[in-house]
Amino acid sequence: MVVVQSNNVSAVNEALNEIHVEEEDYDRLRESIDLHHNFDQIGLAQKIEKHELLEMRRVAAYIYKKEGKWKQSIVLSKKDKIYKDAMETVSQSSDRELLRSCLFTSLNRERRNALHRASLFVMT
């Protein structure tokens, strides 16, 4: 089936992607996504965005980013605390509102961490 995938047939792509998901082979899944675009990409992202493996959820965020679904991609990345991925997505989106939102989240996270460290210092 892998040989046939080079023809970029939707049914073959869907079947192989399903196998990669079942086998939790996120590297092959991402490679398949990059090389063969003829399948329901958003459907696949929706299916794996709640997967137990972090790397599968990263693939879902990657799919959303490729499809221009910036906000969905960023939400997944922030939820998994993969801020580097979120910031890369914001950068590619060129959306100022998303940038403000991500920066605000980052600043709040840093403030919370600083407050936590300060409270531990005061308690000792």
PDB file of N, CA and C in Angstrom:
ATOM      1  N   MET A   1       0.822  -1.189   0.000  1.00  0.00           N
ATOM      2  CA  MET A   1       0.000   0.000   0.000  1.00  0.00           C
ATOM      3  C   MET A   1       0.878   1.269   0.000  1.00  0.00           C
ATOM      4  N   VAL A   2       2.032   1.202   0.640  1.00  0.00           N
ATOM      5  CA  VAL A   2       2.930   2.353   0.687  1.00  0.00           C
ATOM      6  C   VAL A   2       3.383   2.739  -0.713  1.00  0.00           C
ATOM      7  N   VAL A   3       3.619   1.747  -1.579  1.00  0.00           N
ATOM      8  CA  VAL A   3       4.043   2.012  -2.958  1.00  0.00           C
ATOM      9  C   VAL A   3       2.946   2.762  -3.701  1.00  0.00           C
ATOM     10  N   VAL A   4       1.707   2.373  -3.475  1.00  0.00           N
ATOM     11  CA  VAL A   4       0.568   2.997  -4.151  1.00  0.00           C
ATOM     12  C   VAL A   4       0.342   4.421  -3.651  1.00  0.00           C
ATOM     13  N   GLN A   5       0.772   4.710  -2.424  1.00  0.00           N
ATOM     14  CA  GLN A   5       0.531   6.033  -1.864  1.00  0.00           C
ATOM     15  C   GLN A   5       1.170   7.136  -2.709  1.00  0.00           C
ATOM     16  N   SER A   6       2.209   6.802  -3.428  1.00  0.00           N
ATOM     17  CA  SER A   6       2.857   7.818  -4.269  1.00  0.00           C
ATOM     18  C   SER A   6       1.894   8.391  -5.308  1.00  0.00           C
ATOM     19  N   ASN A   7       0.789   7.687  -5.582  1.00  0.00           N
ATOM     20  CA  ASN A   7      -0.232   8.190  -6.505  1.00  0.00           C
ATOM     21  C   ASN A   7      -1.151   9.221  -5.842  1.00  0.00           C
ATOM     22  N   ASN A   8      -0.989   9.397  -4.538  1.00  0.00           N
ATOM     23  CA  ASN A   8      -1.746  10.389  -3.773  1.00  0.00           C
ATOM     24  C   ASN A   8      -3.259  10.172  -3.881  1.00  0.00           C
ATOM     25  N   VAL A   9      -3.679   8.923  -3.757  1.00  0.00           N
ATOM     26  CA  VAL A   9      -5.099   8.557  -3.794  1.00  0.00           C
ATOM     27  C   VAL A   9      -5.675   8.702  -2.392  1.00  0.00           C
ATOM     28  N   SER A  10      -6.772   9.402  -2.290  1.00  0.00           N
ATOM     29  CA  SER A  10      -7.365   9.719  -0.998  1.00  0.00           C
ATOM     30  C   SER A  10      -7.598   8.473  -0.127  1.00  0.00           C
ATOM     31  N   ALA A  11      -8.213   7.450  -0.694  1.00  0.00           N
ATOM     32  CA  ALA A  11      -8.535   6.242   0.088  1.00  0.00           C
ATOM     33  C   ALA A  11      -7.268   5.577   0.625  1.00  0.00           C
ATOM     34  N   VAL A  12      -6.225   5.546  -0.175  1.00  0.00           N
ATOM     35  CA  VAL A  12      -4.955   4.952   0.250  1.00  0.00           C
ATOM     36  C   VAL A  12      -4.323   5.812   1.341  1.00  0.00           C
ATOM     37  N   ASN A  13      -4.311   7.115   1.143  1.00  0.00           N
ATOM     38  CA  ASN A  13      -3.750   8.014   2.147  1.00  0.00           C
ATOM     39  C   ASN A  13      -4.485   7.880   3.478  1.00  0.00           C
ATOM     40  N   GLU A  14      -5.798   7.853   3.426  1.00  0.00           N
ATOM     41  CA  GLU A  14      -6.609   7.719   4.641  1.00  0.00           C
ATOM     42  C   GLU A  14      -6.299   6.399   5.345  1.00  0.00           C
ATOM     43  N   ALA A  15      -6.211   5.311   4.574  1.00  0.00           N
ATOM     44  CA  ALA A  15      -5.944   3.993   5.164  1.00  0.00           C
ATOM     45  C   ALA A  15      -4.567   3.952   5.819  1.00  0.00           C
ATOM     46  N   LEU A  16      -3.569   4.449   5.141  1.00  0.00           N
ATOM     47  CA  LEU A  16      -2.214   4.446   5.718  1.00  0.00           C
ATOM     48  C   LEU A  16      -2.113   5.372   6.925  1.00  0.00           C
ATOM     49  N   ASN A  17      -2.739   6.524   6.852  1.00  0.00           N
ATOM     50  CA  ASN A  17      -2.728   7.416   8.014  1.00  0.00           C
ATOM     51  C   ASN A  17      -3.401   6.762   9.212  1.00  0.00           C
ATOM     52  N   GLU A  18      -4.472   6.046   8.952  1.00  0.00           N
ATOM     53  CA  GLU A  18      -5.170   5.327  10.031  1.00  0.00           C
ATOM     54  C   GLU A  18      -4.252   4.273  10.655  1.00  0.00           C
ATOM     55  N   ILE A  19      -3.524   3.567   9.835  1.00  0.00           N
ATOM     56  CA  ILE A  19      -2.570   2.570  10.339  1.00  0.00           C
ATOM     57  C   ILE A  19      -1.505   3.250  11.200  1.00  0.00           C
ATOM     58  N   HIS A  20      -0.989   4.371  10.730  1.00  0.00           N
ATOM     59  CA  HIS A  20       0.036   5.096  11.496  1.00  0.00           C
ATOM     60  C   HIS A  20      -0.511   5.559  12.847  1.00  0.00           C
ATOM     61  N   VAL A  21      -1.764   5.986  12.868  1.00  0.00           N
ATOM     62  CA  VAL A  21      -2.390   6.408  14.130  1.00  0.00           C
ATOM     63  C   VAL A  21      -2.538   5.205  15.055  1.00  0.00           C
ATOM     64  N   GLU A  22      -3.062   4.106  14.524  1.00  0.00           N
ATOM     65  CA  GLU A  22      -3.252   2.896  15.339  1.00  0.00           C
ATOM     66  C   GLU A  22      -1.937   2.383  15.908  1.00  0.00           C
ATOM     67  N   GLU A  23      -0.874   2.469  15.111  1.00  0.00           N
ATOM     68  CA  GLU A  23       0.443   2.005  15.559  1.00  0.00           C
ATOM     69  C   GLU A  23       1.185   3.081  16.351  1.00  0.00           C
ATOM     70  N   GLU A  24       0.552   4.230  16.505  1.00  0.00           N
ATOM     71  CA  GLU A  24       1.132   5.368  17.226  1.00  0.00           C
ATOM     72  C   GLU A  24       2.494   5.758  16.650  1.00  0.00           C
ATOM     73  N   ASP A  25       2.593   5.661  15.330  1.00  0.00           N
ATOM     74  CA  ASP A  25       3.822   5.997  14.622  1.00  0.00           C
ATOM     75  C   ASP A  25       3.711   7.427  14.102  1.00  0.00           C
ATOM     76  N   TYR A  26       3.956   8.377  14.997  1.00  0.00           N
ATOM     77  CA  TYR A  26       3.768   9.786  14.660  1.00  0.00           C
ATOM     78  C   TYR A  26       4.783  10.287  13.635  1.00  0.00           C
ATOM     79  N   ASP A  27       5.981   9.695  13.602  1.00  0.00           N
ATOM     80  CA  ASP A  27       6.962  10.112  12.593  1.00  0.00           C
ATOM     81  C   ASP A  27       6.485   9.776  11.184  1.00  0.00           C
ATOM     82  N   ARG A  28       6.019   8.547  11.006  1.00  0.00           N
ATOM     83  CA  ARG A  28       5.513   8.157   9.673  1.00  0.00           C
ATOM     84  C   ARG A  28       4.239   8.910   9.322  1.00  0.00           C
ATOM     85  N   LEU A  29       3.410   9.165  10.321  1.00  0.00           N
ATOM     86  CA  LEU A  29       2.184   9.919  10.070  1.00  0.00           C
ATOM     87  C   LEU A  29       2.524  11.322   9.565  1.00  0.00           C
ATOM     88  N   ARG A  30       3.453  11.969  10.232  1.00  0.00           N
ATOM     89  CA  ARG A  30       3.837  13.324   9.809  1.00  0.00           C
ATOM     90  C   ARG A  30       4.463  13.311   8.416  1.00  0.00           C
ATOM     91  N   GLU A  31       5.280  12.308   8.145  1.00  0.00           N
ATOM     92  CA  GLU A  31       5.884  12.179   6.813  1.00  0.00           C
ATOM     93  C   GLU A  31       4.805  11.988   5.751  1.00  0.00           C
ATOM     94  N   SER A  32       3.829  11.134   6.054  1.00  0.00           N
ATOM     95  CA  SER A  32       2.728  10.895   5.128  1.00  0.00           C
ATOM     96  C   SER A  32       1.955  12.183   4.861  1.00  0.00           C
ATOM     97  N   ILE A  33       1.710  12.948   5.911  1.00  0.00           N
ATOM     98  CA  ILE A  33       0.980  14.209   5.789  1.00  0.00           C
ATOM     99  C   ILE A  33       1.751  15.195   4.909  1.00  0.00           C
ATOM    100  N   ASP A  34       3.056  15.224   5.101  1.00  0.00           N
ATOM    101  CA  ASP A  34       3.876  16.156   4.312  1.00  0.00           C
ATOM    102  C   ASP A  34       3.950  15.777   2.841  1.00  0.00           C
ATOM    103  N   LEU A  35       3.983  14.490   2.558  1.00  0.00           N
ATOM    104  CA  LEU A  35       4.182  14.048   1.182  1.00  0.00           C
ATOM    105  C   LEU A  35       2.889  13.831   0.398  1.00  0.00           C
ATOM    106  N   HIS A  36       1.804  13.539   1.104  1.00  0.00           N
ATOM    107  CA  HIS A  36       0.557  13.162   0.429  1.00  0.00           C
ATOM    108  C   HIS A  36      -0.609  13.933   1.046  1.00  0.00           C
ATOM    109  N   HIS A  37      -1.071  14.931   0.369  1.00  0.00           N
ATOM    110  CA  HIS A  37      -2.061  15.854   0.911  1.00  0.00           C
ATOM    111  C   HIS A  37      -3.511  15.499   0.599  1.00  0.00           C
ATOM    112  N   ASN A  38      -3.734  14.503  -0.220  1.00  0.00           N
ATOM    113  CA  ASN A  38      -5.087  14.189  -0.669  1.00  0.00           C
ATOM    114  C   ASN A  38      -5.806  13.278   0.333  1.00  0.00           C
ATOM    115  N   PHE A  39      -6.317  13.891   1.408  1.00  0.00           N
ATOM    116  CA  PHE A  39      -7.115  13.202   2.427  1.00  0.00           C
ATOM    117  C   PHE A  39      -7.789  14.276   3.271  1.00  0.00           C
ATOM    118  N   ASP A  40      -8.684  13.868   4.126  1.00  0.00           N
ATOM    119  CA  ASP A  40      -9.393  14.806   5.001  1.00  0.00           C
ATOM    120  C   ASP A  40      -8.472  15.213   6.144  1.00  0.00           C
ATOM    121  N   GLN A  41      -7.715  16.272   5.922  1.00  0.00           N
ATOM    122  CA  GLN A  41      -6.713  16.688   6.903  1.00  0.00           C
ATOM    123  C   GLN A  41      -7.343  17.178   8.201  1.00  0.00           C
ATOM    124  N   ILE A  42      -8.372  17.998   8.102  1.00  0.00           N
ATOM    125  CA  ILE A  42      -9.024  18.505   9.309  1.00  0.00           C
ATOM    126  C   ILE A  42      -9.674  17.357  10.081  1.00  0.00           C
ATOM    127  N   GLY A  43     -10.257  16.407   9.370  1.00  0.00           N
ATOM    128  CA  GLY A  43     -10.845  15.241  10.029  1.00  0.00           C
ATOM    129  C   GLY A  43      -9.808  14.457  10.817  1.00  0.00           C
ATOM    130  N   LEU A  44      -8.626  14.275  10.231  1.00  0.00           N
ATOM    131  CA  LEU A  44      -7.546  13.573  10.928  1.00  0.00           C
ATOM    132  C   LEU A  44      -7.102  14.372  12.147  1.00  0.00           C
ATOM    133  N   ALA A  45      -6.943  15.679  11.996  1.00  0.00           N
ATOM    134  CA  ALA A  45      -6.529  16.514  13.132  1.00  0.00           C
ATOM    135  C   ALA A  45      -7.538  16.412  14.271  1.00  0.00           C
ATOM    136  N   GLN A  46      -8.815  16.469  13.938  1.00  0.00           N
ATOM    137  CA  GLN A  46      -9.854  16.363  14.966  1.00  0.00           C
ATOM    138  C   GLN A  46      -9.804  15.007  15.660  1.00  0.00           C
ATOM    139  N   LYS A  47      -9.483  13.977  14.901  1.00  0.00           N
ATOM    140  CA  LYS A  47      -9.431  12.626  15.466  1.00  0.00           C
ATOM    141  C   LYS A  47      -8.282  12.473  16.465  1.00  0.00           C
ATOM    142  N   ILE A  48      -7.127  13.085  16.170  1.00  0.00           N
ATOM    143  CA  ILE A  48      -5.952  12.839  17.016  1.00  0.00           C
ATOM    144  C   ILE A  48      -5.645  13.972  17.995  1.00  0.00           C
ATOM    145  N   GLU A  49      -6.420  15.050  17.975  1.00  0.00           N
ATOM    146  CA  GLU A  49      -6.101  16.168  18.858  1.00  0.00           C
ATOM    147  C   GLU A  49      -6.277  15.838  20.337  1.00  0.00           C
ATOM    148  N   LYS A  50      -6.980  14.753  20.652  1.00  0.00           N
ATOM    149  CA  LYS A  50      -7.139  14.340  22.052  1.00  0.00           C
ATOM    150  C   LYS A  50      -6.451  13.002  22.323  1.00  0.00           C
ATOM    151  N   HIS A  51      -5.556  12.626  21.443  1.00  0.00           N
ATOM    152  CA  HIS A  51      -4.810  11.372  21.589  1.00  0.00           C
ATOM    153  C   HIS A  51      -3.994  11.409  22.871  1.00  0.00           C
ATOM    154  N   GLU A  52      -3.760  10.242  23.457  1.00  0.00           N
ATOM    155  CA  GLU A  52      -3.000  10.193  24.710  1.00  0.00           C
ATOM    156  C   GLU A  52      -1.529  10.552  24.535  1.00  0.00           C
ATOM    157  N   LEU A  53      -0.981  10.339  23.346  1.00  0.00           N
ATOM    158  CA  LEU A  53       0.422  10.673  23.103  1.00  0.00           C
ATOM    159  C   LEU A  53       0.579  12.142  22.727  1.00  0.00           C
ATOM    160  N   LEU A  54       1.474  12.809  23.409  1.00  0.00           N
ATOM    161  CA  LEU A  54       1.764  14.210  23.128  1.00  0.00           C
ATOM    162  C   LEU A  54       2.151  14.419  21.670  1.00  0.00           C
ATOM    163  N   GLU A  55       3.006  13.558  21.125  1.00  0.00           N
ATOM    164  CA  GLU A  55       3.472  13.734  19.748  1.00  0.00           C
ATOM    165  C   GLU A  55       2.330  13.616  18.737  1.00  0.00           C
ATOM    166  N   MET A  56       1.337  12.812  19.031  1.00  0.00           N
ATOM    167  CA  MET A  56       0.171  12.740  18.136  1.00  0.00           C
ATOM    168  C   MET A  56      -0.609  14.053  18.191  1.00  0.00           C
ATOM    169  N   ARG A  57      -0.731  14.619  19.383  1.00  0.00           N
ATOM    170  CA  ARG A  57      -1.419  15.906  19.499  1.00  0.00           C
ATOM    171  C   ARG A  57      -0.629  17.000  18.787  1.00  0.00           C
ATOM    172  N   ARG A  58       0.702  16.890  18.816  1.00  0.00           N
ATOM    173  CA  ARG A  58       1.535  17.850  18.070  1.00  0.00           C
ATOM    174  C   ARG A  58       1.284  17.724  16.569  1.00  0.00           C
ATOM    175  N   VAL A  59       1.077  16.501  16.082  1.00  0.00           N
ATOM    176  CA  VAL A  59       0.758  16.310  14.660  1.00  0.00           C
ATOM    177  C   VAL A  59      -0.577  16.992  14.346  1.00  0.00           C
ATOM    178  N   ALA A  60      -1.548  16.877  15.260  1.00  0.00           N
ATOM    179  CA  ALA A  60      -2.836  17.545  15.042  1.00  0.00           C
ATOM    180  C   ALA A  60      -2.633  19.053  14.935  1.00  0.00           C
ATOM    181  N   ALA A  61      -1.841  19.628  15.835  1.00  0.00           N
ATOM    182  CA  ALA A  61      -1.561  21.069  15.792  1.00  0.00           C
ATOM    183  C   ALA A  61      -0.849  21.428  14.486  1.00  0.00           C
ATOM    184  N   TYR A  62       0.052  20.569  14.053  1.00  0.00           N
ATOM    185  CA  TYR A  62       0.785  20.778  12.803  1.00  0.00           C
ATOM    186  C   TYR A  62      -0.177  20.805  11.606  1.00  0.00           C
ATOM    187  N   ILE A  63      -1.121  19.878  11.594  1.00  0.00           N
ATOM    188  CA  ILE A  63      -2.110  19.838  10.509  1.00  0.00           C
ATOM    189  C   ILE A  63      -2.921  21.136  10.491  1.00  0.00           C
ATOM    190  N   TYR A  64      -3.402  21.539  11.666  1.00  0.00           N
ATOM    191  CA  TYR A  64      -4.172  22.785  11.724  1.00  0.00           C
ATOM    192  C   TYR A  64      -3.338  23.952  11.197  1.00  0.00           C
ATOM    193  N   LYS A  65      -2.057  23.992  11.572  1.00  0.00           N
ATOM    194  CA  LYS A  65      -1.180  25.075  11.102  1.00  0.00           C
ATOM    195  C   LYS A  65      -1.058  25.030   9.579  1.00  0.00           C
ATOM    196  N   LYS A  66      -0.835  23.824   9.027  1.00  0.00           N
ATOM    197  CA  LYS A  66      -0.710  23.689   7.568  1.00  0.00           C
ATOM    198  C   LYS A  66      -1.973  24.151   6.846  1.00  0.00           C
ATOM    199  N   GLU A  67      -3.108  23.940   7.472  1.00  0.00           N
ATOM    200  CA  GLU A  67      -4.393  24.284   6.856  1.00  0.00           C
ATOM    201  C   GLU A  67      -4.825  25.719   7.148  1.00  0.00           C
ATOM    202  N   GLY A  68      -3.960  26.469   7.834  1.00  0.00           N
ATOM    203  CA  GLY A  68      -4.292  27.857   8.131  1.00  0.00           C
ATOM    204  C   GLY A  68      -5.280  28.027   9.270  1.00  0.00           C
ATOM    205  N   LYS A  69      -5.480  26.981  10.038  1.00  0.00           N
ATOM    206  CA  LYS A  69      -6.361  27.040  11.217  1.00  0.00           C
ATOM    207  C   LYS A  69      -5.492  27.406  12.413  1.00  0.00           C
ATOM    208  N   TRP A  70      -4.992  28.645  12.366  1.00  0.00           N
ATOM    209  CA  TRP A  70      -3.991  29.107  13.323  1.00  0.00           C
ATOM    210  C   TRP A  70      -4.447  28.959  14.763  1.00  0.00           C
ATOM    211  N   LYS A  71      -5.638  29.432  15.036  1.00  0.00           N
ATOM    212  CA  LYS A  71      -6.118  29.450  16.419  1.00  0.00           C
ATOM    213  C   LYS A  71      -6.208  28.036  17.001  1.00  0.00           C
ATOM    214  N   GLN A  72      -6.751  27.087  16.224  1.00  0.00           N
ATOM    215  CA  GLN A  72      -6.841  25.714  16.712  1.00  0.00           C
ATOM    216  C   GLN A  72      -5.454  25.147  17.003  1.00  0.00           C
ATOM    217  N   SER A  73      -4.511  25.432  16.132  1.00  0.00           N
ATOM    218  CA  SER A  73      -3.148  24.952  16.317  1.00  0.00           C
ATOM    219  C   SER A  73      -2.543  25.526  17.598  1.00  0.00           C
ATOM    220  N   ILE A  74      -2.714  26.812  17.789  1.00  0.00           N
ATOM    221  CA  ILE A  74      -2.147  27.486  18.959  1.00  0.00           C
ATOM    222  C   ILE A  74      -2.795  26.989  20.245  1.00  0.00           C
ATOM    223  N   VAL A  75      -4.098  26.819  20.217  1.00  0.00           N
ATOM    224  CA  VAL A  75      -4.794  26.321  21.407  1.00  0.00           C
ATOM    225  C   VAL A  75      -4.242  24.956  21.822  1.00  0.00           C
ATOM    226  N   LEU A  76      -4.052  24.067  20.846  1.00  0.00           N
ATOM    227  CA  LEU A  76      -3.498  22.740  21.171  1.00  0.00           C
ATOM    228  C   LEU A  76      -2.085  22.846  21.721  1.00  0.00           C
ATOM    229  N   SER A  77      -1.255  23.658  21.089  1.00  0.00           N
ATOM    230  CA  SER A  77       0.132  23.794  21.540  1.00  0.00           C
ATOM    231  C   SER A  77       0.202  24.381  22.946  1.00  0.00           C
ATOM    232  N   LYS A  78      -0.600  25.398  23.214  1.00  0.00           N
ATOM    233  CA  LYS A  78      -0.592  26.013  24.540  1.00  0.00           C
ATOM    234  C   LYS A  78      -1.133  25.045  25.590  1.00  0.00           C
ATOM    235  N   LYS A  79      -2.146  24.286  25.219  1.00  0.00           N
ATOM    236  CA  LYS A  79      -2.728  23.314  26.154  1.00  0.00           C
ATOM    237  C   LYS A  79      -1.684  22.286  26.585  1.00  0.00           C
ATOM    238  N   ASP A  80      -0.816  21.893  25.644  1.00  0.00           N
ATOM    239  CA  ASP A  80       0.234  20.924  25.950  1.00  0.00           C
ATOM    240  C   ASP A  80       1.530  21.604  26.417  1.00  0.00           C
ATOM    241  N   LYS A  81       1.467  22.916  26.587  1.00  0.00           N
ATOM    242  CA  LYS A  81       2.615  23.702  27.061  1.00  0.00           C
ATOM    243  C   LYS A  81       3.817  23.607  26.127  1.00  0.00           C
ATOM    244  N   ILE A  82       3.529  23.536  24.842  1.00  0.00           N
ATOM    245  CA  ILE A  82       4.580  23.543  23.832  1.00  0.00           C
ATOM    246  C   ILE A  82       4.568  24.944  23.218  1.00  0.00           C
ATOM    247  N   TYR A  83       5.080  25.879  23.991  1.00  0.00           N
ATOM    248  CA  TYR A  83       5.002  27.287  23.634  1.00  0.00           C
ATOM    249  C   TYR A  83       5.831  27.617  22.400  1.00  0.00           C
ATOM    250  N   LYS A  84       6.891  26.888  22.178  1.00  0.00           N
ATOM    251  CA  LYS A  84       7.710  27.124  20.975  1.00  0.00           C
ATOM    252  C   LYS A  84       6.869  26.884  19.719  1.00  0.00           C
ATOM    253  N   ASP A  85       6.122  25.777  19.690  1.00  0.00           N
ATOM    254  CA  ASP A  85       5.252  25.493  18.549  1.00  0.00           C
ATOM    255  C   ASP A  85       4.197  26.588  18.394  1.00  0.00           C
ATOM    256  N   ALA A  86       3.620  27.014  19.517  1.00  0.00           N
ATOM    257  CA  ALA A  86       2.594  28.062  19.470  1.00  0.00           C
ATOM    258  C   ALA A  86       3.162  29.348  18.880  1.00  0.00           C
ATOM    259  N   MET A  87       4.355  29.724  19.311  1.00  0.00           N
ATOM    260  CA  MET A  87       4.953  30.961  18.816  1.00  0.00           C
ATOM    261  C   MET A  87       5.341  30.847  17.336  1.00  0.00           C
ATOM    262  N   GLU A  88       5.782  29.669  16.911  1.00  0.00           N
ATOM    263  CA  GLU A  88       6.088  29.471  15.484  1.00  0.00           C
ATOM    264  C   GLU A  88       4.822  29.622  14.647  1.00  0.00           C
ATOM    265  N   THR A  89       3.717  29.097  15.165  1.00  0.00           N
ATOM    266  CA  THR A  89       2.445  29.204  14.449  1.00  0.00           C
ATOM    267  C   THR A  89       1.992  30.659  14.377  1.00  0.00           C
ATOM    268  N   VAL A  90       2.116  31.368  15.496  1.00  0.00           N
ATOM    269  CA  VAL A  90       1.762  32.789  15.509  1.00  0.00           C
ATOM    270  C   VAL A  90       2.595  33.535  14.479  1.00  0.00           C
ATOM    271  N   SER A  91       3.863  33.244  14.429  1.00  0.00           N
ATOM    272  CA  SER A  91       4.760  33.909  13.489  1.00  0.00           C
ATOM    273  C   SER A  91       4.325  33.667  12.047  1.00  0.00           C
ATOM    274  N   GLN A  92       3.976  32.439  11.730  1.00  0.00           N
ATOM    275  CA  GLN A  92       3.553  32.122  10.362  1.00  0.00           C
ATOM    276  C   GLN A  92       2.213  32.746  10.018  1.00  0.00           C
ATOM    277  N   SER A  93       1.374  32.924  11.032  1.00  0.00           N
ATOM    278  CA  SER A  93       0.030  33.449  10.772  1.00  0.00           C
ATOM    279  C   SER A  93       0.039  34.930  10.427  1.00  0.00           C
ATOM    280  N   SER A  94       1.018  35.672  10.920  1.00  0.00           N
ATOM    281  CA  SER A  94       1.080  37.132  10.755  1.00  0.00           C
ATOM    282  C   SER A  94      -0.167  37.822  11.301  1.00  0.00           C
ATOM    283  N   ASP A  95      -0.804  37.216  12.282  1.00  0.00           N
ATOM    284  CA  ASP A  95      -2.025  37.751  12.889  1.00  0.00           C
ATOM    285  C   ASP A  95      -1.655  38.455  14.199  1.00  0.00           C
ATOM    286  N   ARG A  96      -1.808  39.759  14.214  1.00  0.00           N
ATOM    287  CA  ARG A  96      -1.407  40.550  15.388  1.00  0.00           C
ATOM    288  C   ARG A  96      -2.217  40.180  16.636  1.00  0.00           C
ATOM    289  N   GLU A  97      -3.485  39.874  16.469  1.00  0.00           N
ATOM    290  CA  GLU A  97      -4.322  39.530  17.630  1.00  0.00           C
ATOM    291  C   GLU A  97      -3.858  38.211  18.256  1.00  0.00           C
ATOM    292  N   LEU A  98      -3.523  37.241  17.428  1.00  0.00           N
ATOM    293  CA  LEU A  98      -2.986  35.985  17.962  1.00  0.00           C
ATOM    294  C   LEU A  98      -1.654  36.223  18.661  1.00  0.00           C
ATOM    295  N   LEU A  99      -0.845  37.098  18.113  1.00  0.00           N
ATOM    296  CA  LEU A  99       0.436  37.433  18.734  1.00  0.00           C
ATOM    297  C   LEU A  99       0.212  38.043  20.113  1.00  0.00           C
ATOM    298  N   ARG A 100      -0.697  38.985  20.205  1.00  0.00           N
ATOM    299  CA  ARG A 100      -0.996  39.606  21.501  1.00  0.00           C
ATOM    300  C   ARG A 100      -1.472  38.566  22.501  1.00  0.00           C
ATOM    301  N   SER A 101      -2.333  37.691  22.060  1.00  0.00           N
ATOM    302  CA  SER A 101      -2.876  36.656  22.943  1.00  0.00           C
ATOM    303  C   SER A 101      -1.775  35.735  23.465  1.00  0.00           C
ATOM    304  N   CYS A 102      -0.884  35.313  22.577  1.00  0.00           N
ATOM    305  CA  CYS A 102       0.210  34.429  22.991  1.00  0.00           C
ATOM    306  C   CYS A 102       1.174  35.142  23.920  1.00  0.00           C
ATOM    307  N   LEU A 103       1.488  36.383  23.612  1.00  0.00           N
ATOM    308  CA  LEU A 103       2.393  37.138  24.480  1.00  0.00           C
ATOM    309  C   LEU A 103       1.772  37.354  25.852  1.00  0.00           C
ATOM    310  N   PHE A 104       0.480  37.653  25.876  1.00  0.00           N
ATOM    311  CA  PHE A 104      -0.222  37.844  27.143  1.00  0.00           C
ATOM    312  C   PHE A 104      -0.181  36.564  27.972  1.00  0.00           C
ATOM    313  N   THR A 105      -0.427  35.429  27.321  1.00  0.00           N
ATOM    314  CA  THR A 105      -0.367  34.139  28.014  1.00  0.00           C
ATOM    315  C   THR A 105       1.031  33.888  28.552  1.00  0.00           C
ATOM    316  N   SER A 106       2.047  34.173  27.751  1.00  0.00           N
ATOM    317  CA  SER A 106       3.434  33.961  28.180  1.00  0.00           C
ATOM    318  C   SER A 106       3.779  34.855  29.360  1.00  0.00           C
ATOM    319  N   LEU A 107       3.379  36.112  29.287  1.00  0.00           N
ATOM    320  CA  LEU A 107       3.659  37.029  30.391  1.00  0.00           C
ATOM    321  C   LEU A 107       2.963  36.593  31.663  1.00  0.00           C
ATOM    322  N   ASN A 108       1.707  36.185  31.543  1.00  0.00           N
ATOM    323  CA  ASN A 108       0.979  35.717  32.724  1.00  0.00           C
ATOM    324  C   ASN A 108       1.636  34.479  33.322  1.00  0.00           C
ATOM    325  N   ARG A 109       2.106  33.578  32.464  1.00  0.00           N
ATOM    326  CA  ARG A 109       2.778  32.373  32.946  1.00  0.00           C
ATOM    327  C   ARG A 109       4.047  32.757  33.698  1.00  0.00           C
ATOM    328  N   GLU A 110       4.812  33.691  33.139  1.00  0.00           N
ATOM    329  CA  GLU A 110       6.046  34.139  33.790  1.00  0.00           C
ATOM    330  C   GLU A 110       5.743  34.834  35.119  1.00  0.00           C
ATOM    331  N   ARG A 111       4.700  35.633  35.142  1.00  0.00           N
ATOM    332  CA  ARG A 111       4.318  36.315  36.394  1.00  0.00           C
ATOM    333  C   ARG A 111       3.919  35.297  37.452  1.00  0.00           C
ATOM    334  N   ARG A 112       3.131  34.311  37.049  1.00  0.00           N
ATOM    335  CA  ARG A 112       2.725  33.270  38.008  1.00  0.00           C
ATOM    336  C   ARG A 112       3.937  32.543  38.557  1.00  0.00           C
ATOM    337  N   ASN A 113       4.875  32.202  37.673  1.00  0.00           N
ATOM    338  CA  ASN A 113       6.097  31.518  38.107  1.00  0.00           C
ATOM    339  C   ASN A 113       6.904  32.388  39.062  1.00  0.00           C
ATOM    340  N   ALA A 114       7.015  33.671  38.756  1.00  0.00           N
ATOM    341  CA  ALA A 114       7.763  34.591  39.621  1.00  0.00           C
ATOM    342  C   ALA A 114       7.078  34.730  40.976  1.00  0.00           C
ATOM    343  N   LEU A 115       5.764  34.842  40.971  1.00  0.00           N
ATOM    344  CA  LEU A 115       5.032  34.930  42.235  1.00  0.00           C
ATOM    345  C   LEU A 115       5.190  33.660  43.056  1.00  0.00           C
ATOM    346  N   HIS A 116       5.152  32.538  42.386  1.00  0.00           N
ATOM    347  CA  HIS A 116       5.321  31.259  43.082  1.00  0.00           C
ATOM    348  C   HIS A 116       6.711  31.178  43.716  1.00  0.00           C
ATOM    349  N   ARG A 117       7.739  31.549  42.957  1.00  0.00           N
ATOM    350  CA  ARG A 117       9.098  31.532  43.493  1.00  0.00           C
ATOM    351  C   ARG A 117       9.232  32.487  44.674  1.00  0.00           C
ATOM    352  N   ALA A 118       8.619  33.656  44.551  1.00  0.00           N
ATOM    353  CA  ALA A 118       8.679  34.629  45.641  1.00  0.00           C
ATOM    354  C   ALA A 118       7.981  34.114  46.887  1.00  0.00           C
ATOM    355  N   SER A 119       6.848  33.466  46.703  1.00  0.00           N
ATOM    356  CA  SER A 119       6.128  32.942  47.865  1.00  0.00           C
ATOM    357  C   SER A 119       6.923  31.821  48.538  1.00  0.00           C
ATOM    358  N   LEU A 120       7.616  31.018  47.765  1.00  0.00           N
ATOM    359  CA  LEU A 120       8.447  29.972  48.365  1.00  0.00           C
ATOM    360  C   LEU A 120       9.594  30.591  49.148  1.00  0.00           C
ATOM    361  N   PHE A 121      10.161  31.677  48.604  1.00  0.00           N
ATOM    362  CA  PHE A 121      11.262  32.364  49.278  1.00  0.00           C
ATOM    363  C   PHE A 121      10.792  32.952  50.607  1.00  0.00           C
ATOM    364  N   VAL A 122       9.607  33.560  50.598  1.00  0.00           N
ATOM    365  CA  VAL A 122       9.066  34.183  51.801  1.00  0.00           C
ATOM    366  C   VAL A 122       8.762  33.124  52.862  1.00  0.00           C
ATOM    367  N   MET A 123       8.322  31.954  52.430  1.00  0.00           N
ATOM    368  CA  MET A 123       7.947  30.878  53.356  1.00  0.00           C
ATOM    369  C   MET A 123       9.154  30.221  54.006  1.00  0.00           C
ATOM    370  N   THR A 124      10.342  30.376  53.447  1.00  0.00           N
ATOM    371  CA  THR A 124      11.518  29.715  54.030  1.00  0.00           C
ATOM    372  C   THR A 124      12.190  30.564  55.057  1.00  0.00           C
TER     373      THR A 124
END
